[in-house]
Amino acid sequence: MSETSLNPINLADRMANSTQFKALYAEGMGLVEETANYLDGPGRAASKDLPRLAGVLYAAESMRLTTRLMQMASWLLLQRAVNNGEMNRDQVLAEKNKVRLDSFNCDRSAQGWSDLPEEFKDLVERSLRIQNRVALLDREIYRPEEAAALKPDNENSVQAQQHLLQTVFSKR
């Protein structure tokens, strides 16, 4: 048995340099632009008609949404810089410390949530899905020991890679 056959292929590294990453990048950056357009246009108008409690929630969730998207966009830009040879892994690791991918969730059970505009809630949900995909990819690439700790004990390497593929390529 050769030494290379003992080392599993790191699918996360390959995905980060693939056309799938380019699609994730385009989707993430597109959502940033779509959200900015919504918040500056129809969202601003819709928020003025909300009941007081929903208006406060809208303002808070808007800040969380934009922060979440900016953090995700920062990660995507850093990874693209690595892929393009503009930064090395050590430079990215130094910058990545400023990026937060595991926070900024929303409370769908909060009072006023049901009064929020559907388009706004859709943007929030889509941003959470992309954030989760990026966070998983980040753990697999830059913190493999943490990613391994999150996997069930009975999951073998093939199942782990299949789980990663399902998560990375799923839209929902």
N, C-alpha and C. Protein backbone atom coordinates (compact mmCIF):
# COMPACT_ATOMS: atom_id res chain seq x y z
N MET A 1 0.85 -1.18 0.00
CA MET A 1 0.00 0.00 0.00
C MET A 1 0.89 1.24 0.00
N SER A 2 0.66 2.15 -0.91
CA SER A 2 1.49 3.34 -0.98
C SER A 2 1.09 4.33 0.10
N GLU A 3 2.02 5.24 0.38
CA GLU A 3 1.76 6.23 1.42
C GLU A 3 0.62 7.16 1.02
N THR A 4 0.49 7.48 -0.26
CA THR A 4 -0.58 8.38 -0.69
C THR A 4 -1.95 7.75 -0.53
N SER A 5 -2.03 6.43 -0.58
CA SER A 5 -3.33 5.80 -0.42
C SER A 5 -3.82 5.85 1.02
N LEU A 6 -2.94 6.18 1.96
CA LEU A 6 -3.33 6.29 3.36
C LEU A 6 -3.88 7.67 3.69
N ASN A 7 -3.62 8.64 2.84
CA ASN A 7 -4.08 9.99 3.09
C ASN A 7 -5.32 10.28 2.25
N PRO A 8 -6.42 10.60 2.91
CA PRO A 8 -7.62 10.92 2.13
C PRO A 8 -7.43 12.22 1.37
N ILE A 9 -8.09 12.34 0.26
CA ILE A 9 -8.06 13.56 -0.53
C ILE A 9 -8.87 14.61 0.22
N ASN A 10 -8.32 15.78 0.36
CA ASN A 10 -9.03 16.86 1.03
C ASN A 10 -9.96 17.51 0.01
N LEU A 11 -11.22 17.10 0.04
CA LEU A 11 -12.19 17.62 -0.91
C LEU A 11 -12.49 19.09 -0.67
N ALA A 12 -12.35 19.55 0.56
CA ALA A 12 -12.60 20.95 0.84
C ALA A 12 -11.60 21.84 0.11
N ASP A 13 -10.31 21.47 0.16
CA ASP A 13 -9.31 22.24 -0.57
C ASP A 13 -9.59 22.24 -2.06
N ARG A 14 -9.97 21.09 -2.57
CA ARG A 14 -10.28 21.02 -4.01
C ARG A 14 -11.51 21.85 -4.34
N MET A 15 -12.52 21.80 -3.48
CA MET A 15 -13.72 22.58 -3.73
C MET A 15 -13.40 24.07 -3.72
N ALA A 16 -12.53 24.48 -2.81
CA ALA A 16 -12.19 25.90 -2.70
C ALA A 16 -11.48 26.42 -3.95
N ASN A 17 -10.95 25.54 -4.76
CA ASN A 17 -10.26 25.94 -5.98
C ASN A 17 -11.03 25.51 -7.24
N SER A 18 -12.31 25.27 -7.12
CA SER A 18 -13.07 24.68 -8.22
C SER A 18 -14.11 25.65 -8.79
N THR A 19 -14.78 25.17 -9.81
CA THR A 19 -15.88 25.95 -10.37
C THR A 19 -17.02 26.06 -9.36
N GLN A 20 -17.14 25.09 -8.45
CA GLN A 20 -18.18 25.17 -7.42
C GLN A 20 -17.91 26.35 -6.49
N PHE A 21 -16.62 26.61 -6.19
CA PHE A 21 -16.31 27.78 -5.37
C PHE A 21 -16.70 29.05 -6.12
N LYS A 22 -16.41 29.07 -7.41
CA LYS A 22 -16.77 30.24 -8.20
C LYS A 22 -18.28 30.48 -8.16
N ALA A 23 -19.05 29.40 -8.18
CA ALA A 23 -20.50 29.52 -8.11
C ALA A 23 -20.92 30.03 -6.72
N LEU A 24 -20.31 29.50 -5.66
CA LEU A 24 -20.60 29.96 -4.30
C LEU A 24 -20.23 31.43 -4.16
N TYR A 25 -19.08 31.80 -4.71
CA TYR A 25 -18.63 33.19 -4.68
C TYR A 25 -19.65 34.09 -5.39
N ALA A 26 -20.05 33.69 -6.58
CA ALA A 26 -21.02 34.49 -7.35
C ALA A 26 -22.35 34.58 -6.60
N GLU A 27 -22.80 33.47 -6.02
CA GLU A 27 -24.06 33.48 -5.28
C GLU A 27 -23.97 34.40 -4.06
N GLY A 28 -22.87 34.29 -3.32
CA GLY A 28 -22.69 35.11 -2.13
C GLY A 28 -22.60 36.59 -2.45
N MET A 29 -21.79 36.93 -3.43
CA MET A 29 -21.63 38.34 -3.79
C MET A 29 -22.91 38.88 -4.44
N GLY A 30 -23.60 38.04 -5.18
CA GLY A 30 -24.88 38.45 -5.75
C GLY A 30 -25.90 38.76 -4.66
N LEU A 31 -25.88 37.94 -3.60
CA LEU A 31 -26.81 38.17 -2.49
C LEU A 31 -26.46 39.47 -1.76
N VAL A 32 -25.19 39.79 -1.66
CA VAL A 32 -24.78 41.05 -1.05
C VAL A 32 -25.38 42.22 -1.84
N GLU A 33 -25.23 42.16 -3.15
CA GLU A 33 -25.74 43.23 -4.01
C GLU A 33 -27.28 43.29 -3.96
N GLU A 34 -27.92 42.13 -4.05
CA GLU A 34 -29.38 42.09 -4.00
C GLU A 34 -29.91 42.65 -2.68
N THR A 35 -29.25 42.31 -1.59
CA THR A 35 -29.67 42.79 -0.28
C THR A 35 -29.50 44.30 -0.17
N ALA A 36 -28.37 44.80 -0.65
CA ALA A 36 -28.14 46.25 -0.60
C ALA A 36 -29.21 46.98 -1.40
N ASN A 37 -29.53 46.47 -2.58
CA ASN A 37 -30.57 47.10 -3.40
C ASN A 37 -31.93 47.06 -2.71
N TYR A 38 -32.24 45.93 -2.08
CA TYR A 38 -33.52 45.81 -1.38
C TYR A 38 -33.58 46.78 -0.20
N LEU A 39 -32.53 46.78 0.63
CA LEU A 39 -32.55 47.61 1.83
C LEU A 39 -32.59 49.10 1.50
N ASP A 40 -31.96 49.49 0.39
CA ASP A 40 -31.97 50.90 -0.01
C ASP A 40 -33.23 51.30 -0.75
N GLY A 41 -33.99 50.35 -1.24
CA GLY A 41 -35.18 50.67 -2.04
C GLY A 41 -36.45 50.16 -1.40
N PRO A 42 -36.95 49.01 -1.92
CA PRO A 42 -38.23 48.48 -1.42
C PRO A 42 -38.24 48.21 0.08
N GLY A 43 -37.13 47.80 0.63
CA GLY A 43 -37.08 47.51 2.07
C GLY A 43 -37.24 48.75 2.92
N ARG A 44 -36.64 49.83 2.47
CA ARG A 44 -36.76 51.11 3.20
C ARG A 44 -38.22 51.55 3.22
N ALA A 45 -38.87 51.44 2.07
CA ALA A 45 -40.28 51.84 1.99
C ALA A 45 -41.15 50.90 2.83
N ALA A 46 -40.91 49.60 2.74
CA ALA A 46 -41.71 48.63 3.49
C ALA A 46 -41.54 48.80 4.99
N SER A 47 -40.34 49.13 5.43
CA SER A 47 -40.08 49.24 6.86
C SER A 47 -40.87 50.40 7.49
N LYS A 48 -41.19 51.42 6.71
CA LYS A 48 -41.94 52.57 7.23
C LYS A 48 -43.38 52.22 7.56
N ASP A 49 -43.89 51.15 6.94
CA ASP A 49 -45.28 50.75 7.16
C ASP A 49 -45.44 49.66 8.21
N LEU A 50 -44.35 49.25 8.83
CA LEU A 50 -44.41 48.16 9.81
C LEU A 50 -44.92 48.65 11.15
N PRO A 51 -45.61 47.76 11.89
CA PRO A 51 -45.96 48.11 13.28
C PRO A 51 -44.67 48.39 14.08
N ARG A 52 -44.80 49.14 15.14
CA ARG A 52 -43.62 49.58 15.92
C ARG A 52 -42.68 48.44 16.28
N LEU A 53 -43.20 47.38 16.86
CA LEU A 53 -42.36 46.26 17.29
C LEU A 53 -41.65 45.61 16.09
N ALA A 54 -42.37 45.42 15.01
CA ALA A 54 -41.76 44.84 13.81
C ALA A 54 -40.73 45.80 13.21
N GLY A 55 -40.97 47.09 13.32
CA GLY A 55 -40.01 48.07 12.83
C GLY A 55 -38.69 48.02 13.57
N VAL A 56 -38.78 47.85 14.88
CA VAL A 56 -37.56 47.72 15.69
C VAL A 56 -36.84 46.43 15.33
N LEU A 57 -37.60 45.35 15.20
CA LEU A 57 -37.00 44.08 14.82
C LEU A 57 -36.37 44.16 13.43
N TYR A 58 -37.05 44.83 12.51
CA TYR A 58 -36.53 45.01 11.15
C TYR A 58 -35.17 45.72 11.19
N ALA A 59 -35.09 46.78 11.98
CA ALA A 59 -33.83 47.52 12.09
C ALA A 59 -32.72 46.64 12.65
N ALA A 60 -33.02 45.87 13.68
CA ALA A 60 -32.01 45.00 14.29
C ALA A 60 -31.60 43.89 13.32
N GLU A 61 -32.59 43.27 12.69
CA GLU A 61 -32.28 42.18 11.75
C GLU A 61 -31.56 42.69 10.51
N SER A 62 -31.86 43.92 10.09
CA SER A 62 -31.15 44.50 8.95
C SER A 62 -29.66 44.65 9.27
N MET A 63 -29.36 45.09 10.48
CA MET A 63 -27.95 45.21 10.88
C MET A 63 -27.28 43.85 10.94
N ARG A 64 -27.98 42.86 11.51
CA ARG A 64 -27.41 41.50 11.56
C ARG A 64 -27.20 40.95 10.15
N LEU A 65 -28.18 41.17 9.29
CA LEU A 65 -28.11 40.69 7.91
C LEU A 65 -26.91 41.30 7.19
N THR A 66 -26.75 42.60 7.27
CA THR A 66 -25.64 43.24 6.56
C THR A 66 -24.30 42.83 7.16
N THR A 67 -24.24 42.69 8.47
CA THR A 67 -23.00 42.24 9.11
C THR A 67 -22.66 40.82 8.68
N ARG A 68 -23.66 39.95 8.68
CA ARG A 68 -23.46 38.55 8.25
C ARG A 68 -22.94 38.50 6.82
N LEU A 69 -23.58 39.27 5.95
CA LEU A 69 -23.17 39.27 4.55
C LEU A 69 -21.76 39.85 4.36
N MET A 70 -21.41 40.88 5.10
CA MET A 70 -20.07 41.46 4.97
C MET A 70 -19.00 40.48 5.48
N GLN A 71 -19.30 39.77 6.54
CA GLN A 71 -18.35 38.77 7.04
C GLN A 71 -18.16 37.65 6.02
N MET A 72 -19.27 37.18 5.47
CA MET A 72 -19.22 36.12 4.47
C MET A 72 -18.48 36.59 3.22
N ALA A 73 -18.77 37.82 2.78
CA ALA A 73 -18.09 38.37 1.61
C ALA A 73 -16.60 38.51 1.86
N SER A 74 -16.22 38.91 3.06
CA SER A 74 -14.79 39.02 3.40
C SER A 74 -14.11 37.67 3.27
N TRP A 75 -14.75 36.62 3.77
CA TRP A 75 -14.17 35.28 3.67
C TRP A 75 -14.05 34.86 2.21
N LEU A 76 -15.09 35.08 1.43
CA LEU A 76 -15.05 34.72 0.02
C LEU A 76 -13.95 35.47 -0.72
N LEU A 77 -13.78 36.74 -0.42
CA LEU A 77 -12.73 37.52 -1.07
C LEU A 77 -11.34 37.03 -0.66
N LEU A 78 -11.18 36.67 0.61
CA LEU A 78 -9.89 36.12 1.06
C LEU A 78 -9.59 34.80 0.35
N GLN A 79 -10.60 33.94 0.26
CA GLN A 79 -10.38 32.65 -0.40
C GLN A 79 -10.09 32.84 -1.88
N ARG A 80 -10.76 33.79 -2.51
CA ARG A 80 -10.48 34.06 -3.92
C ARG A 80 -9.04 34.57 -4.09
N ALA A 81 -8.57 35.39 -3.14
CA ALA A 81 -7.20 35.89 -3.19
C ALA A 81 -6.21 34.74 -3.10
N VAL A 82 -6.50 33.74 -2.26
CA VAL A 82 -5.64 32.55 -2.17
C VAL A 82 -5.67 31.80 -3.48
N ASN A 83 -6.86 31.58 -4.00
CA ASN A 83 -7.03 30.83 -5.25
C ASN A 83 -6.28 31.50 -6.41
N ASN A 84 -6.25 32.84 -6.40
CA ASN A 84 -5.60 33.58 -7.49
C ASN A 84 -4.12 33.82 -7.23
N GLY A 85 -3.60 33.33 -6.10
CA GLY A 85 -2.19 33.50 -5.80
C GLY A 85 -1.83 34.89 -5.30
N GLU A 86 -2.83 35.69 -4.94
CA GLU A 86 -2.58 37.05 -4.46
C GLU A 86 -2.17 37.08 -2.99
N MET A 87 -2.52 36.04 -2.26
CA MET A 87 -2.17 35.91 -0.84
C MET A 87 -1.79 34.47 -0.58
N ASN A 88 -0.89 34.28 0.39
CA ASN A 88 -0.57 32.91 0.78
C ASN A 88 -1.42 32.53 1.99
N ARG A 89 -1.36 31.27 2.34
CA ARG A 89 -2.20 30.76 3.42
C ARG A 89 -1.95 31.49 4.74
N ASP A 90 -0.68 31.79 5.05
CA ASP A 90 -0.36 32.49 6.30
C ASP A 90 -0.96 33.89 6.34
N GLN A 91 -0.92 34.59 5.21
CA GLN A 91 -1.53 35.92 5.14
C GLN A 91 -3.03 35.84 5.36
N VAL A 92 -3.64 34.84 4.76
CA VAL A 92 -5.08 34.66 4.91
C VAL A 92 -5.42 34.32 6.35
N LEU A 93 -4.65 33.45 6.97
CA LEU A 93 -4.92 33.09 8.36
C LEU A 93 -4.85 34.32 9.27
N ALA A 94 -3.91 35.22 9.00
CA ALA A 94 -3.82 36.44 9.80
C ALA A 94 -5.05 37.31 9.62
N GLU A 95 -5.54 37.42 8.40
CA GLU A 95 -6.71 38.24 8.12
C GLU A 95 -8.01 37.55 8.55
N LYS A 96 -8.05 36.23 8.47
CA LYS A 96 -9.26 35.48 8.81
C LYS A 96 -9.66 35.65 10.27
N ASN A 97 -8.71 35.99 11.11
CA ASN A 97 -9.03 36.19 12.53
C ASN A 97 -10.04 37.31 12.73
N LYS A 98 -10.17 38.18 11.74
CA LYS A 98 -11.11 39.30 11.83
C LYS A 98 -12.50 38.93 11.33
N VAL A 99 -12.62 37.78 10.68
CA VAL A 99 -13.88 37.35 10.07
C VAL A 99 -14.64 36.43 11.02
N ARG A 100 -15.91 36.74 11.24
CA ARG A 100 -16.77 35.93 12.11
C ARG A 100 -17.84 35.27 11.25
N LEU A 101 -17.80 33.94 11.20
CA LEU A 101 -18.77 33.21 10.39
C LEU A 101 -19.80 32.45 11.22
N ASP A 102 -19.56 32.32 12.49
CA ASP A 102 -20.40 31.45 13.32
C ASP A 102 -21.37 32.22 14.21
N SER A 103 -21.67 33.44 13.84
CA SER A 103 -22.60 34.21 14.68
C SER A 103 -23.59 34.96 13.78
N PHE A 104 -24.31 35.86 14.36
CA PHE A 104 -25.26 36.69 13.64
C PHE A 104 -26.47 35.89 13.15
N ASN A 105 -26.95 34.94 13.95
CA ASN A 105 -28.17 34.22 13.59
C ASN A 105 -29.37 35.08 13.91
N CYS A 106 -30.54 34.60 13.54
CA CYS A 106 -31.75 35.37 13.81
C CYS A 106 -32.72 34.54 14.65
N ASP A 107 -33.60 35.23 15.32
CA ASP A 107 -34.61 34.58 16.15
C ASP A 107 -35.96 34.68 15.43
N ARG A 108 -36.31 33.61 14.74
CA ARG A 108 -37.56 33.60 13.98
C ARG A 108 -38.80 33.59 14.87
N SER A 109 -38.61 33.33 16.15
CA SER A 109 -39.74 33.32 17.07
C SER A 109 -39.92 34.67 17.78
N ALA A 110 -39.10 35.65 17.43
CA ALA A 110 -39.20 36.97 18.06
C ALA A 110 -40.53 37.62 17.70
N GLN A 111 -41.06 38.37 18.64
CA GLN A 111 -42.30 39.09 18.38
C GLN A 111 -42.08 40.06 17.23
N GLY A 112 -42.98 40.05 16.28
CA GLY A 112 -42.88 40.93 15.13
C GLY A 112 -42.30 40.25 13.90
N TRP A 113 -41.69 39.06 14.07
CA TRP A 113 -41.07 38.36 12.93
C TRP A 113 -42.10 38.12 11.81
N SER A 114 -43.28 37.68 12.18
CA SER A 114 -44.30 37.37 11.17
C SER A 114 -44.77 38.63 10.42
N ASP A 115 -44.55 39.81 11.00
CA ASP A 115 -44.95 41.05 10.35
C ASP A 115 -43.90 41.58 9.37
N LEU A 116 -42.71 41.00 9.39
CA LEU A 116 -41.65 41.47 8.50
C LEU A 116 -41.98 41.14 7.05
N PRO A 117 -41.53 41.96 6.10
CA PRO A 117 -41.79 41.68 4.69
C PRO A 117 -41.21 40.33 4.26
N GLU A 118 -41.96 39.61 3.45
CA GLU A 118 -41.52 38.28 3.00
C GLU A 118 -40.19 38.34 2.26
N GLU A 119 -40.00 39.34 1.43
CA GLU A 119 -38.74 39.46 0.67
C GLU A 119 -37.56 39.63 1.63
N PHE A 120 -37.76 40.39 2.69
CA PHE A 120 -36.72 40.57 3.70
C PHE A 120 -36.40 39.25 4.40
N LYS A 121 -37.45 38.54 4.81
CA LYS A 121 -37.23 37.25 5.49
C LYS A 121 -36.53 36.26 4.56
N ASP A 122 -36.84 36.30 3.27
CA ASP A 122 -36.18 35.44 2.29
C ASP A 122 -34.69 35.77 2.21
N LEU A 123 -34.35 37.05 2.19
CA LEU A 123 -32.94 37.45 2.17
C LEU A 123 -32.21 36.96 3.42
N VAL A 124 -32.86 37.06 4.57
CA VAL A 124 -32.27 36.58 5.82
C VAL A 124 -32.02 35.07 5.73
N GLU A 125 -33.02 34.32 5.30
CA GLU A 125 -32.88 32.85 5.20
C GLU A 125 -31.77 32.46 4.23
N ARG A 126 -31.73 33.10 3.07
CA ARG A 126 -30.69 32.78 2.09
C ARG A 126 -29.31 33.13 2.62
N SER A 127 -29.20 34.24 3.34
CA SER A 127 -27.90 34.62 3.90
C SER A 127 -27.44 33.61 4.95
N LEU A 128 -28.37 33.09 5.73
CA LEU A 128 -28.02 32.07 6.74
C LEU A 128 -27.54 30.79 6.08
N ARG A 129 -28.19 30.40 4.98
CA ARG A 129 -27.77 29.18 4.28
C ARG A 129 -26.36 29.34 3.70
N ILE A 130 -26.10 30.47 3.08
CA ILE A 130 -24.77 30.68 2.52
C ILE A 130 -23.74 30.79 3.64
N GLN A 131 -24.09 31.47 4.72
CA GLN A 131 -23.17 31.58 5.86
C GLN A 131 -22.80 30.18 6.38
N ASN A 132 -23.78 29.31 6.48
CA ASN A 132 -23.51 27.95 6.95
C ASN A 132 -22.60 27.19 5.99
N ARG A 133 -22.83 27.34 4.70
CA ARG A 133 -21.97 26.67 3.71
C ARG A 133 -20.54 27.19 3.78
N VAL A 134 -20.39 28.51 3.91
CA VAL A 134 -19.05 29.10 4.00
C VAL A 134 -18.38 28.69 5.30
N ALA A 135 -19.11 28.68 6.41
CA ALA A 135 -18.53 28.30 7.70
C ALA A 135 -18.07 26.85 7.68
N LEU A 136 -18.84 25.97 7.06
CA LEU A 136 -18.43 24.58 6.95
C LEU A 136 -17.16 24.45 6.12
N LEU A 137 -17.12 25.12 5.01
CA LEU A 137 -15.94 25.09 4.15
C LEU A 137 -14.73 25.66 4.90
N ASP A 138 -14.93 26.73 5.64
CA ASP A 138 -13.85 27.32 6.43
C ASP A 138 -13.29 26.32 7.44
N ARG A 139 -14.18 25.64 8.15
CA ARG A 139 -13.72 24.64 9.13
C ARG A 139 -12.95 23.52 8.45
N GLU A 140 -13.44 23.06 7.33
CA GLU A 140 -12.78 21.96 6.62
C GLU A 140 -11.40 22.36 6.10
N ILE A 141 -11.25 23.59 5.64
CA ILE A 141 -9.98 24.04 5.07
C ILE A 141 -9.01 24.49 6.14
N TYR A 142 -9.46 25.35 7.05
CA TYR A 142 -8.54 26.03 7.96
C TYR A 142 -8.54 25.49 9.38
N ARG A 143 -9.55 24.73 9.75
CA ARG A 143 -9.61 24.17 11.11
C ARG A 143 -10.08 22.72 11.06
N PRO A 144 -9.30 21.87 10.38
CA PRO A 144 -9.77 20.48 10.21
C PRO A 144 -9.97 19.74 11.53
N GLU A 145 -9.19 20.09 12.56
CA GLU A 145 -9.37 19.42 13.86
C GLU A 145 -10.72 19.77 14.47
N GLU A 146 -11.16 21.01 14.28
CA GLU A 146 -12.47 21.41 14.77
C GLU A 146 -13.58 20.75 13.97
N ALA A 147 -13.40 20.67 12.66
CA ALA A 147 -14.39 20.02 11.81
C ALA A 147 -14.51 18.55 12.17
N ALA A 148 -13.38 17.90 12.46
CA ALA A 148 -13.42 16.48 12.83
C ALA A 148 -14.14 16.29 14.16
N ALA A 149 -13.96 17.23 15.08
CA ALA A 149 -14.61 17.12 16.38
C ALA A 149 -16.12 17.27 16.27
N LEU A 150 -16.60 17.94 15.22
CA LEU A 150 -18.04 18.14 15.05
C LEU A 150 -18.73 16.93 14.44
N LYS A 151 -17.94 15.98 13.92
CA LYS A 151 -18.52 14.81 13.25
C LYS A 151 -18.82 13.72 14.28
N PRO A 152 -19.88 12.97 14.07
CA PRO A 152 -20.19 11.87 14.98
C PRO A 152 -19.06 10.84 14.98
N ASP A 153 -18.87 10.18 16.13
CA ASP A 153 -17.79 9.20 16.27
C ASP A 153 -17.92 8.05 15.29
N ASN A 154 -19.12 7.66 14.94
CA ASN A 154 -19.32 6.50 14.07
C ASN A 154 -19.22 6.85 12.59
N GLU A 155 -18.92 8.10 12.27
CA GLU A 155 -18.86 8.50 10.87
C GLU A 155 -17.44 8.25 10.34
N ASN A 156 -17.34 7.46 9.28
CA ASN A 156 -16.02 7.20 8.72
C ASN A 156 -15.62 8.28 7.74
N SER A 157 -14.42 8.22 7.21
CA SER A 157 -13.90 9.26 6.34
C SER A 157 -14.74 9.44 5.08
N VAL A 158 -15.21 8.37 4.50
CA VAL A 158 -16.03 8.47 3.29
C VAL A 158 -17.34 9.17 3.62
N GLN A 159 -17.98 8.80 4.71
CA GLN A 159 -19.22 9.46 5.11
C GLN A 159 -18.99 10.93 5.40
N ALA A 160 -17.86 11.25 6.01
CA ALA A 160 -17.54 12.64 6.31
C ALA A 160 -17.40 13.45 5.03
N GLN A 161 -16.72 12.89 4.05
CA GLN A 161 -16.54 13.59 2.77
C GLN A 161 -17.89 13.72 2.05
N GLN A 162 -18.73 12.69 2.12
CA GLN A 162 -20.04 12.76 1.49
C GLN A 162 -20.88 13.85 2.16
N HIS A 163 -20.80 13.91 3.49
CA HIS A 163 -21.53 14.94 4.22
C HIS A 163 -21.07 16.33 3.79
N LEU A 164 -19.76 16.51 3.66
CA LEU A 164 -19.22 17.79 3.22
C LEU A 164 -19.75 18.14 1.84
N LEU A 165 -19.72 17.18 0.93
CA LEU A 165 -20.21 17.43 -0.43
C LEU A 165 -21.69 17.82 -0.43
N GLN A 166 -22.49 17.10 0.36
CA GLN A 166 -23.91 17.41 0.43
C GLN A 166 -24.14 18.81 0.96
N THR A 167 -23.39 19.18 1.97
CA THR A 167 -23.56 20.50 2.58
C THR A 167 -23.10 21.60 1.64
N VAL A 168 -21.96 21.40 1.01
CA VAL A 168 -21.40 22.42 0.15
C VAL A 168 -22.24 22.64 -1.09
N PHE A 169 -22.79 21.56 -1.65
CA PHE A 169 -23.50 21.68 -2.91
C PHE A 169 -25.00 21.85 -2.76
N SER A 170 -25.51 21.78 -1.54
CA SER A 170 -26.96 21.93 -1.37
C SER A 170 -27.29 23.42 -1.36
N LYS A 171 -28.43 23.73 -1.88
CA LYS A 171 -28.90 25.11 -1.92
C LYS A 171 -29.73 25.43 -0.68
N ARG A 172 -30.23 24.41 -0.03
CA ARG A 172 -31.09 24.64 1.15
C ARG A 172 -30.52 23.95 2.33
